[in-house]
Protein backbone atom coordinates (compact mmCIF):
# COMPACT_ATOMS: atom_id res chain seq x y z
CA MET A 1 19.40 2.74 -21.90
CA THR A 2 18.00 0.12 -24.30
CA ASP A 3 14.83 1.03 -26.17
CA VAL A 4 11.81 -1.16 -25.46
CA VAL A 5 8.72 -1.83 -27.55
CA ILE A 6 5.65 -3.15 -25.75
CA SER A 7 3.80 -4.76 -28.61
CA GLY A 8 0.03 -5.20 -28.58
CA ALA A 9 -0.84 -3.61 -25.22
CA ARG A 10 -4.16 -2.04 -24.25
CA PRO A 11 -3.62 1.10 -22.15
CA TYR A 12 -6.13 1.06 -19.30
CA GLY A 13 -7.69 -2.02 -20.90
CA GLU A 14 -9.42 0.18 -23.46
CA GLY A 15 -9.59 0.11 -27.26
CA ASP A 16 -7.61 -1.99 -29.70
CA PRO A 17 -4.08 -3.16 -28.86
CA VAL A 18 -1.30 -0.70 -29.69
CA ASP A 19 2.48 -0.68 -29.66
CA VAL A 20 4.30 1.48 -27.13
CA LEU A 21 7.86 2.66 -27.76
CA VAL A 22 9.94 3.47 -24.68
CA SER A 23 13.12 5.46 -25.27
CA ASP A 24 15.39 7.30 -22.80
CA GLY A 25 13.04 6.49 -19.93
CA VAL A 26 9.91 8.03 -21.44
CA ILE A 27 7.03 6.92 -23.63
CA ALA A 28 8.22 8.09 -27.07
CA ALA A 29 5.32 6.83 -29.20
CA ILE A 30 2.00 5.01 -29.07
CA GLU A 31 0.95 3.73 -32.48
CA PRO A 32 -1.08 0.86 -33.94
CA LYS A 33 2.19 -0.65 -35.15
CA ILE A 34 5.80 0.35 -34.42
CA THR A 35 8.87 -1.10 -36.09
CA PRO A 36 11.33 -1.77 -33.25
CA PRO A 37 14.55 0.29 -33.49
CA ASP A 38 17.79 -1.65 -33.87
CA GLY A 39 18.73 -3.31 -30.60
CA ALA A 40 15.37 -2.67 -28.96
CA GLU A 41 13.88 -5.24 -26.61
CA VAL A 42 10.36 -6.33 -27.52
CA ILE A 43 7.76 -7.36 -24.97
CA GLU A 44 4.87 -9.23 -26.58
CA ALA A 45 1.82 -8.07 -24.66
CA GLY A 46 -0.83 -9.94 -26.62
CA GLY A 47 -3.65 -7.61 -25.61
CA GLN A 48 -2.68 -7.30 -21.95
CA VAL A 49 -3.63 -4.23 -19.89
CA LEU A 50 -1.01 -1.48 -19.57
CA LEU A 51 -1.24 0.71 -16.47
CA PRO A 52 0.92 3.26 -14.69
CA GLY A 53 3.16 1.56 -12.12
CA PHE A 54 1.52 1.06 -8.73
CA VAL A 55 2.30 3.14 -5.63
CA ASP A 56 2.00 1.65 -2.14
CA LEU A 57 1.56 4.16 0.66
CA HIS A 58 1.94 1.52 3.37
CA THR A 59 4.77 -1.02 3.33
CA HIS A 60 6.84 -2.51 6.13
CA LEU A 61 10.32 -3.31 4.82
CA ARG A 62 11.71 -4.15 8.31
CA GLU A 63 15.18 -2.75 7.59
CA PRO A 64 16.95 -1.65 9.72
CA GLY A 65 16.52 -4.07 12.60
CA ARG A 66 14.48 -7.07 11.45
CA GLU A 67 16.31 -8.31 8.39
CA ASP A 68 15.30 -11.85 9.38
CA ALA A 69 11.77 -11.00 8.15
CA GLU A 70 12.45 -8.66 5.22
CA THR A 71 15.09 -6.38 3.76
CA ILE A 72 14.75 -3.38 1.51
CA ALA A 73 16.15 -5.55 -1.29
CA THR A 74 13.70 -8.44 -0.86
CA GLY A 75 10.77 -6.11 -0.24
CA SER A 76 11.66 -4.14 -3.36
CA ALA A 77 11.74 -7.36 -5.36
CA ALA A 78 8.29 -8.33 -4.04
CA ALA A 79 7.03 -4.86 -4.93
CA ALA A 80 8.37 -5.00 -8.49
CA LEU A 81 6.85 -8.44 -9.00
CA GLY A 82 3.51 -7.02 -7.82
CA GLY A 83 3.64 -4.16 -10.34
CA TYR A 84 4.79 -1.51 -7.87
CA THR A 85 7.22 1.22 -8.83
CA ALA A 86 7.14 3.17 -5.56
CA VAL A 87 6.63 2.18 -1.93
CA PHE A 88 6.47 4.12 1.31
CA ALA A 89 8.46 2.35 4.04
CA MET A 90 6.86 2.68 7.46
CA ALA A 91 8.81 4.02 10.42
CA ASN A 92 8.49 1.12 12.88
CA THR A 93 12.02 -0.15 12.29
CA ASP A 94 14.79 -0.67 14.85
CA PRO A 95 15.99 2.00 15.33
CA VAL A 96 12.77 3.88 14.66
CA ALA A 97 12.81 6.21 11.65
CA ASP A 98 12.30 9.30 13.80
CA ASN A 99 15.35 11.28 12.66
CA ALA A 100 17.21 12.28 9.51
CA VAL A 101 19.94 9.66 9.91
CA VAL A 102 17.56 6.70 9.72
CA VAL A 103 15.32 8.02 6.93
CA GLU A 104 18.36 8.91 4.81
CA HIS A 105 19.76 5.42 5.42
CA VAL A 106 16.52 3.81 4.19
CA ARG A 107 16.36 6.09 1.18
CA ARG A 108 19.99 5.40 0.27
CA ILE A 109 19.58 1.61 0.40
CA GLY A 110 16.40 1.83 -1.67
CA GLU A 111 18.27 3.79 -4.33
CA SER A 112 21.12 1.29 -4.38
CA VAL A 113 18.69 -1.60 -4.89
CA GLY A 114 16.92 0.37 -7.60
CA LEU A 115 13.92 -1.86 -8.26
CA VAL A 116 11.37 0.62 -6.93
CA ASP A 117 11.47 4.11 -5.50
CA VAL A 118 11.60 3.68 -1.72
CA TYR A 119 10.27 6.66 0.24
CA PRO A 120 10.83 6.57 3.99
CA VAL A 121 7.91 7.46 6.25
CA GLY A 122 9.03 9.45 9.28
CA ALA A 123 7.69 8.78 12.75
CA VAL A 124 5.31 11.37 14.20
CA THR A 125 6.65 10.91 17.74
CA VAL A 126 10.03 9.97 19.16
CA GLY A 127 10.35 6.20 19.36
CA LEU A 128 6.68 5.81 18.35
CA GLU A 129 5.93 6.40 22.02
CA GLY A 130 3.29 9.07 21.49
CA GLU A 131 4.79 11.53 23.98
CA GLN A 132 7.06 13.92 22.07
CA LEU A 133 7.02 15.07 18.48
CA ALA A 134 9.85 13.70 16.36
CA GLU A 135 12.10 15.89 14.20
CA LEU A 136 9.53 16.39 11.45
CA GLY A 137 11.18 19.43 9.91
CA THR A 138 14.63 17.89 9.91
CA MET A 139 13.37 14.74 8.20
CA ALA A 140 11.43 16.79 5.66
CA SER A 141 14.49 18.87 4.75
CA SER A 142 16.87 15.90 4.72
CA ARG A 143 18.06 14.14 1.60
CA ALA A 144 15.14 11.69 2.09
CA ARG A 145 12.66 14.58 1.71
CA VAL A 146 10.04 12.92 3.92
CA ARG A 147 6.50 13.98 3.09
CA MET A 148 4.53 11.40 5.05
CA PHE A 149 4.70 10.90 8.81
CA SER A 150 3.11 8.06 10.75
CA ASP A 151 3.43 6.12 14.00
CA ASP A 152 1.78 3.17 12.23
CA GLY A 153 1.53 0.19 14.50
CA PHE A 154 0.56 2.64 17.20
CA CYS A 155 -2.05 5.37 17.30
CA VAL A 156 -1.09 8.97 17.99
CA HIS A 157 -3.65 8.85 20.77
CA ASP A 158 -2.97 12.19 22.50
CA PRO A 159 -5.18 14.79 20.78
CA LEU A 160 -2.82 17.66 21.62
CA ILE A 161 0.18 15.92 20.05
CA MET A 162 -1.91 15.00 17.03
CA ARG A 163 -3.03 18.60 16.67
CA ARG A 164 0.57 19.84 16.87
CA ALA A 165 1.69 17.28 14.27
CA LEU A 166 -1.06 18.38 11.90
CA GLU A 167 -0.13 22.04 12.40
CA TYR A 168 3.55 21.44 11.68
CA SER A 169 2.74 19.30 8.65
CA ARG A 170 1.10 22.25 6.89
CA ALA A 171 4.39 24.14 6.60
CA LEU A 172 6.11 21.02 5.30
CA ASP A 173 3.48 20.17 2.66
CA ALA A 174 3.33 16.79 4.39
CA VAL A 175 0.55 14.45 5.41
CA ILE A 176 0.02 12.77 8.77
CA ALA A 177 -1.03 9.14 8.37
CA GLN A 178 -2.93 7.85 11.37
CA HIS A 179 -3.21 4.29 12.64
CA ALA A 180 -6.70 4.80 14.03
CA GLU A 181 -7.02 2.78 17.23
CA GLU A 182 -8.12 4.19 20.58
CA PRO A 183 -5.72 2.17 22.78
CA ARG A 184 -7.90 2.18 25.88
CA LEU A 185 -10.59 0.32 23.94
CA THR A 186 -8.26 -2.37 22.57
CA VAL A 187 -6.24 -3.53 25.58
CA GLY A 188 -5.56 -7.24 25.03
CA ALA A 189 -7.68 -7.27 21.86
CA GLN A 190 -7.20 -10.24 19.55
CA ALA A 191 -10.10 -10.18 17.05
CA HIS A 192 -13.01 -8.09 15.81
CA GLU A 193 -15.43 -7.59 18.67
CA GLY A 194 -18.57 -9.53 17.88
CA GLU A 195 -20.37 -12.84 18.12
CA LEU A 196 -17.56 -14.83 16.54
CA ALA A 197 -14.84 -13.51 18.84
CA ALA A 198 -17.02 -14.29 21.85
CA ARG A 199 -17.61 -17.83 20.59
CA LEU A 200 -13.87 -18.33 19.98
CA GLY A 201 -12.91 -16.91 23.36
CA LEU A 202 -10.87 -14.03 21.85
CA ALA A 203 -10.84 -10.54 23.35
CA GLY A 204 -12.65 -8.09 21.11
CA TRP A 205 -11.31 -5.10 19.10
CA PRO A 206 -14.42 -2.89 18.75
CA ALA A 207 -15.11 -1.00 15.54
CA ALA A 208 -15.67 2.09 17.69
CA ALA A 209 -11.98 2.14 18.60
CA GLU A 210 -11.18 2.95 14.97
CA GLU A 211 -14.16 5.16 14.25
CA ALA A 212 -13.68 7.39 17.31
CA ILE A 213 -10.11 8.29 16.35
CA VAL A 214 -11.03 8.88 12.71
CA ALA A 215 -13.83 11.25 13.76
CA ARG A 216 -11.57 13.09 16.22
CA ASP A 217 -8.74 13.50 13.74
CA CYS A 218 -11.00 14.63 10.90
CA ILE A 219 -12.27 17.38 13.20
CA LEU A 220 -8.69 18.34 14.14
CA ALA A 221 -7.55 18.36 10.52
CA GLN A 222 -10.49 20.55 9.54
CA HIS A 223 -9.76 22.88 12.45
CA VAL A 224 -6.11 23.48 11.55
CA GLY A 225 -6.46 23.13 7.76
CA ALA A 226 -4.04 20.21 7.45
CA ARG A 227 -3.94 17.03 5.39
CA LEU A 228 -4.82 13.78 7.14
CA HIS A 229 -4.53 10.23 5.83
CA ILE A 230 -6.28 7.29 7.49
CA CYS A 231 -4.40 4.00 7.32
CA HIS A 232 -6.08 0.62 6.73
CA VAL A 233 -9.77 1.53 7.04
CA SER A 234 -11.62 -1.56 8.20
CA THR A 235 -15.18 -0.73 9.27
CA LYS A 236 -18.46 0.39 7.78
CA GLY A 237 -18.68 3.06 10.46
CA THR A 238 -15.36 4.58 9.41
CA VAL A 239 -16.68 4.85 5.86
CA ASP A 240 -19.64 6.84 7.22
CA VAL A 241 -17.29 9.16 9.14
CA LEU A 242 -15.11 9.71 6.06
CA ARG A 243 -18.13 10.52 3.91
CA TRP A 244 -19.27 13.08 6.49
CA ALA A 245 -15.79 14.62 6.75
CA LYS A 246 -15.33 14.91 3.00
CA GLU A 247 -18.73 16.53 2.62
CA ARG A 248 -17.51 19.19 5.08
CA GLY A 249 -14.41 19.84 2.97
CA THR A 250 -11.91 18.15 5.27
CA GLN A 251 -8.59 17.35 3.60
CA VAL A 252 -8.75 13.67 4.50
CA SER A 253 -7.73 10.69 2.41
CA ALA A 254 -7.97 7.01 3.27
CA GLU A 255 -6.67 3.63 2.23
CA VAL A 256 -8.04 0.11 2.38
CA THR A 257 -5.92 -3.04 2.35
CA PRO A 258 -6.52 -5.94 -0.03
CA HIS A 259 -7.12 -8.29 2.89
CA HIS A 260 -9.89 -6.10 4.27
CA LEU A 261 -11.53 -6.17 0.84
CA LEU A 262 -11.51 -9.96 0.60
CA LEU A 263 -11.19 -11.70 3.97
CA THR A 264 -13.55 -11.69 6.98
CA ASP A 265 -13.33 -12.77 10.60
CA GLU A 266 -14.79 -16.14 9.63
CA ARG A 267 -11.18 -17.07 8.84
CA LEU A 268 -10.41 -16.97 12.57
CA THR A 269 -12.24 -20.21 13.31
CA SER A 270 -9.05 -22.10 12.41
CA TYR A 271 -7.01 -20.13 14.99
CA ASP A 272 -4.30 -19.93 12.33
CA PRO A 273 -2.22 -16.85 13.28
CA VAL A 274 -1.59 -16.05 9.60
CA ASN A 275 -5.03 -14.41 9.79
CA LYS A 276 -4.10 -12.17 12.72
CA VAL A 277 -3.78 -8.56 11.61
CA ASN A 278 -4.25 -5.05 13.03
CA PRO A 279 -6.89 -3.77 12.52
CA PRO A 280 -8.49 -7.21 12.59
CA LEU A 281 -10.44 -8.88 9.85
CA ARG A 282 -14.01 -7.65 10.18
CA THR A 283 -17.44 -8.89 9.07
CA GLU A 284 -18.95 -9.38 5.63
CA PRO A 285 -21.03 -6.16 5.91
CA ASP A 286 -17.82 -4.26 6.65
CA THR A 287 -16.08 -5.82 3.65
CA ALA A 288 -19.01 -4.97 1.37
CA ALA A 289 -19.04 -1.37 2.62
CA LEU A 290 -15.31 -1.01 2.00
CA ARG A 291 -15.64 -2.26 -1.57
CA GLN A 292 -18.42 0.19 -2.29
CA ALA A 293 -16.51 3.04 -0.63
CA LEU A 294 -13.45 2.34 -2.77
CA ALA A 295 -15.59 2.33 -5.89
CA GLU A 296 -17.21 5.64 -4.91
CA GLY A 297 -13.95 7.32 -3.92
CA ILE A 298 -14.85 7.73 -0.25
CA VAL A 299 -11.85 5.50 0.35
CA ASP A 300 -9.18 6.91 -1.96
CA CYS A 301 -6.77 4.08 -2.60
CA VAL A 302 -5.51 0.57 -1.97
CA ALA A 303 -2.44 0.14 0.24
CA THR A 304 -0.99 -3.23 1.10
CA ASP A 305 0.15 -2.86 4.74
CA HIS A 306 2.71 -5.49 3.66
CA ALA A 307 3.88 -6.86 7.02
CA PRO A 308 6.38 -9.73 6.85
CA HIS A 309 7.11 -11.63 10.05
CA ALA A 310 9.78 -14.18 10.88
CA PRO A 311 8.51 -17.66 11.85
CA GLN A 312 9.39 -17.20 15.53
CA ASP A 313 7.03 -14.21 15.61
CA LYS A 314 4.18 -15.59 13.51
CA ASP A 315 4.15 -19.39 13.65
CA VAL A 316 3.17 -19.48 17.31
CA GLU A 317 -0.05 -19.67 19.30
CA TRP A 318 -2.63 -17.03 18.41
CA GLN A 319 -2.25 -14.85 21.52
CA ALA A 320 1.53 -14.55 21.07
CA ALA A 321 1.58 -14.07 17.29
CA ARG A 322 2.45 -10.71 15.77
CA PRO A 323 -0.29 -9.14 13.64
CA GLY A 324 0.31 -8.65 9.92
CA MET A 325 0.49 -10.40 6.56
CA LEU A 326 2.27 -10.18 3.22
CA GLY A 327 0.59 -8.13 0.50
CA LEU A 328 2.82 -6.71 -2.22
CA GLN A 329 2.69 -9.58 -4.72
CA THR A 330 -0.98 -10.41 -4.22
CA ALA A 331 -2.53 -6.92 -4.05
CA LEU A 332 -3.42 -6.52 -7.71
CA SER A 333 -4.92 -10.00 -7.88
CA VAL A 334 -7.13 -9.35 -4.85
CA VAL A 335 -8.30 -6.06 -6.38
CA VAL A 336 -9.13 -7.90 -9.61
CA GLN A 337 -11.13 -10.52 -7.72
CA THR A 338 -13.00 -8.17 -5.40
CA MET A 339 -13.40 -5.06 -7.54
CA VAL A 340 -12.76 -5.61 -11.26
CA ARG A 341 -14.49 -8.90 -11.91
CA PRO A 342 -17.68 -7.85 -10.04
CA GLY A 343 -17.75 -4.64 -12.10
CA LEU A 344 -17.07 -2.24 -9.23
CA LEU A 345 -13.90 -0.85 -10.85
CA SER A 346 -12.75 -0.48 -14.45
CA TRP A 347 -9.06 -0.79 -15.30
CA ARG A 348 -8.86 3.00 -15.45
CA ASP A 349 -10.28 3.00 -11.92
CA VAL A 350 -7.59 0.50 -10.89
CA ALA A 351 -5.01 2.99 -12.10
CA ARG A 352 -6.70 5.63 -9.98
CA VAL A 353 -6.75 3.67 -6.71
CA MET A 354 -3.42 1.87 -7.05
CA SER A 355 -1.30 4.51 -8.79
CA GLU A 356 -2.64 7.98 -9.42
CA ARG A 357 -4.32 8.79 -6.12
CA PRO A 358 -1.55 7.29 -3.93
CA ALA A 359 1.02 9.31 -5.87
CA GLU A 360 -1.01 12.48 -5.27
CA ILE A 361 -1.32 11.78 -1.54
CA GLY A 362 2.41 11.05 -1.27
CA ARG A 363 3.33 14.11 -3.37
CA LEU A 364 5.16 12.06 -6.02
CA ALA A 365 5.35 14.14 -9.18
CA ASP A 366 6.84 11.43 -11.41
CA GLN A 367 4.68 8.48 -10.31
CA GLY A 368 1.07 7.76 -11.20
CA ARG A 369 1.50 9.57 -14.51
CA PRO A 370 -0.75 8.94 -17.53
CA VAL A 371 0.11 6.27 -20.08
CA ALA A 372 0.77 8.87 -22.77
CA VAL A 373 3.52 10.11 -25.07
CA GLY A 374 6.11 12.20 -23.25
CA GLU A 375 5.32 10.74 -19.84
CA PRO A 376 7.75 8.67 -17.74
CA ALA A 377 7.78 5.01 -18.74
CA THR A 378 6.87 3.83 -15.25
CA LEU A 379 4.44 1.06 -16.05
CA ALA A 380 2.85 -2.24 -15.10
CA LEU A 381 1.67 -4.79 -17.67
CA VAL A 382 -1.15 -7.02 -16.45
CA ASP A 383 -2.61 -10.21 -17.88
CA PRO A 384 -6.20 -9.97 -16.60
CA ASP A 385 -7.17 -13.49 -17.66
CA ARG A 386 -4.31 -15.51 -16.21
CA GLU A 387 -4.68 -17.08 -12.80
CA TRP A 388 -2.01 -18.20 -10.35
CA THR A 389 -1.87 -20.14 -7.11
CA VAL A 390 -0.26 -18.45 -4.14
CA HIS A 391 2.49 -20.25 -2.23
CA GLY A 392 4.26 -18.27 0.45
CA ASP A 393 7.59 -20.00 0.02
CA GLU A 394 7.63 -18.97 -3.66
CA LEU A 395 7.15 -15.26 -2.99
CA ALA A 396 10.12 -12.88 -3.04
CA SER A 397 9.83 -11.87 0.62
CA ILE A 398 11.98 -13.57 3.23
CA ALA A 399 8.87 -14.20 5.31
CA ALA A 400 6.07 -16.41 4.02
CA ASN A 401 3.07 -15.26 6.07
CA THR A 402 0.48 -14.91 3.33
CA PRO A 403 -3.20 -15.49 4.19
CA TYR A 404 -3.80 -16.53 0.57
CA GLU A 405 -1.75 -19.72 0.77
CA GLY A 406 -3.11 -22.23 -1.76
CA MET A 407 -5.69 -19.80 -3.16
CA THR A 408 -5.99 -19.35 -6.91
CA LEU A 409 -6.25 -15.66 -7.76
CA PRO A 410 -6.89 -13.82 -11.05
CA GLY A 411 -4.59 -11.30 -12.69
CA VAL A 412 -0.83 -11.60 -13.21
CA VAL A 413 1.63 -8.72 -13.48
CA THR A 414 3.84 -9.88 -16.35
CA ALA A 415 6.17 -6.87 -16.54
CA THR A 416 7.08 -3.82 -14.48
CA MET A 417 9.08 -0.82 -15.71
CA LEU A 418 10.62 2.05 -13.75
CA ARG A 419 11.50 5.08 -15.89
CA GLY A 420 12.20 2.90 -18.90
CA ARG A 421 14.11 0.14 -17.11
CA ILE A 422 12.48 -3.27 -16.88
CA THR A 423 12.55 -4.29 -13.22
CA GLN A 424 10.75 -7.61 -13.67
CA LEU A 425 9.60 -9.62 -16.66
CA ASP A 426 7.55 -12.80 -16.53
CA GLY A 427 8.12 -13.21 -12.81
CA LYS A 428 11.88 -12.72 -12.89
CA VAL A 429 13.45 -9.70 -11.24
CA ARG A 430 16.16 -7.89 -13.20
């Protein structure tokens, strides 16, 4: 493996620029000035911010089954370009990842692509149908070593099945990730329930549908002593429930998506289905509460919920459009705009919410590691001052359904490294 010198980087955006020598996949030295070894590749950082590589707990890679929207290869490329070095691939594929054969298949393809570590998420129930527990133990002991289980896209709505899943997860050192949506409150729902949805003639998705499930599952997790993770938190009320649960000592973690940090339901006035997502875009008070909760640590991390859709599923009338939007290549920029520039997060905090805490939740021992000598050289180099304009057809994903089309966003990931190997440099995947 070729040695690499990252010249003039600022770890965590702190202090004077330093040189970082990467050798044999680890950080071998951090010094004010390093003479590159013979044959070493030099990356001129020019004062850019050096962070541990990002970890996404919530990615839809669509393979197997919907390779017309995304593949593990194209999704991995998008992840590397966004600074990610590990992604968790959700189970709602075709066939569903509810057994060892499918999760091992996903893991094997991810390894062959090699741009990021791809960790399959196993389904909680067979076929995501919410009626019978899937083979959790078999998936956990398989070559894929599944440590996160989720029916994401659907809520595990039966409290008895959710309790059993939480109980089993304890023995597996796994976490159950819940898509919090009480289905009886969201039948036919198309938008956040409120004044705007009523004015637009769209059926409402009440905040209570999320908050009720989060409260129930926090109580269940506390009762059985299991770990619970809440996917894509979207309401102020959920933040209040999480604060209450954590004060009681519940082992609950939570994620927020970039789009719920930045966008609100005001975007729906155009009826453009690119803005349709589940849970829906909420109100400005919800967005403000989520930003504050992320800064405080009530919400633990950022996860993209990267959800590519083929044109025949997304470029249709609002009622028929599938919910979801791209997120891997724009996540860091949205975090910079909503959290860093307003002073809510430092760059060290960015490392916490986009790398360290997700790695802890996902039980990844070699991800989210400090930028320090002797640690794995799994890194993201960020130019905090550069801006770029988003165009869906220029992103690495097969699909182009980005809600940020034409927006100019701050922060550019200029290089990504996975255990000493450069996976992308200056926007070009290697």
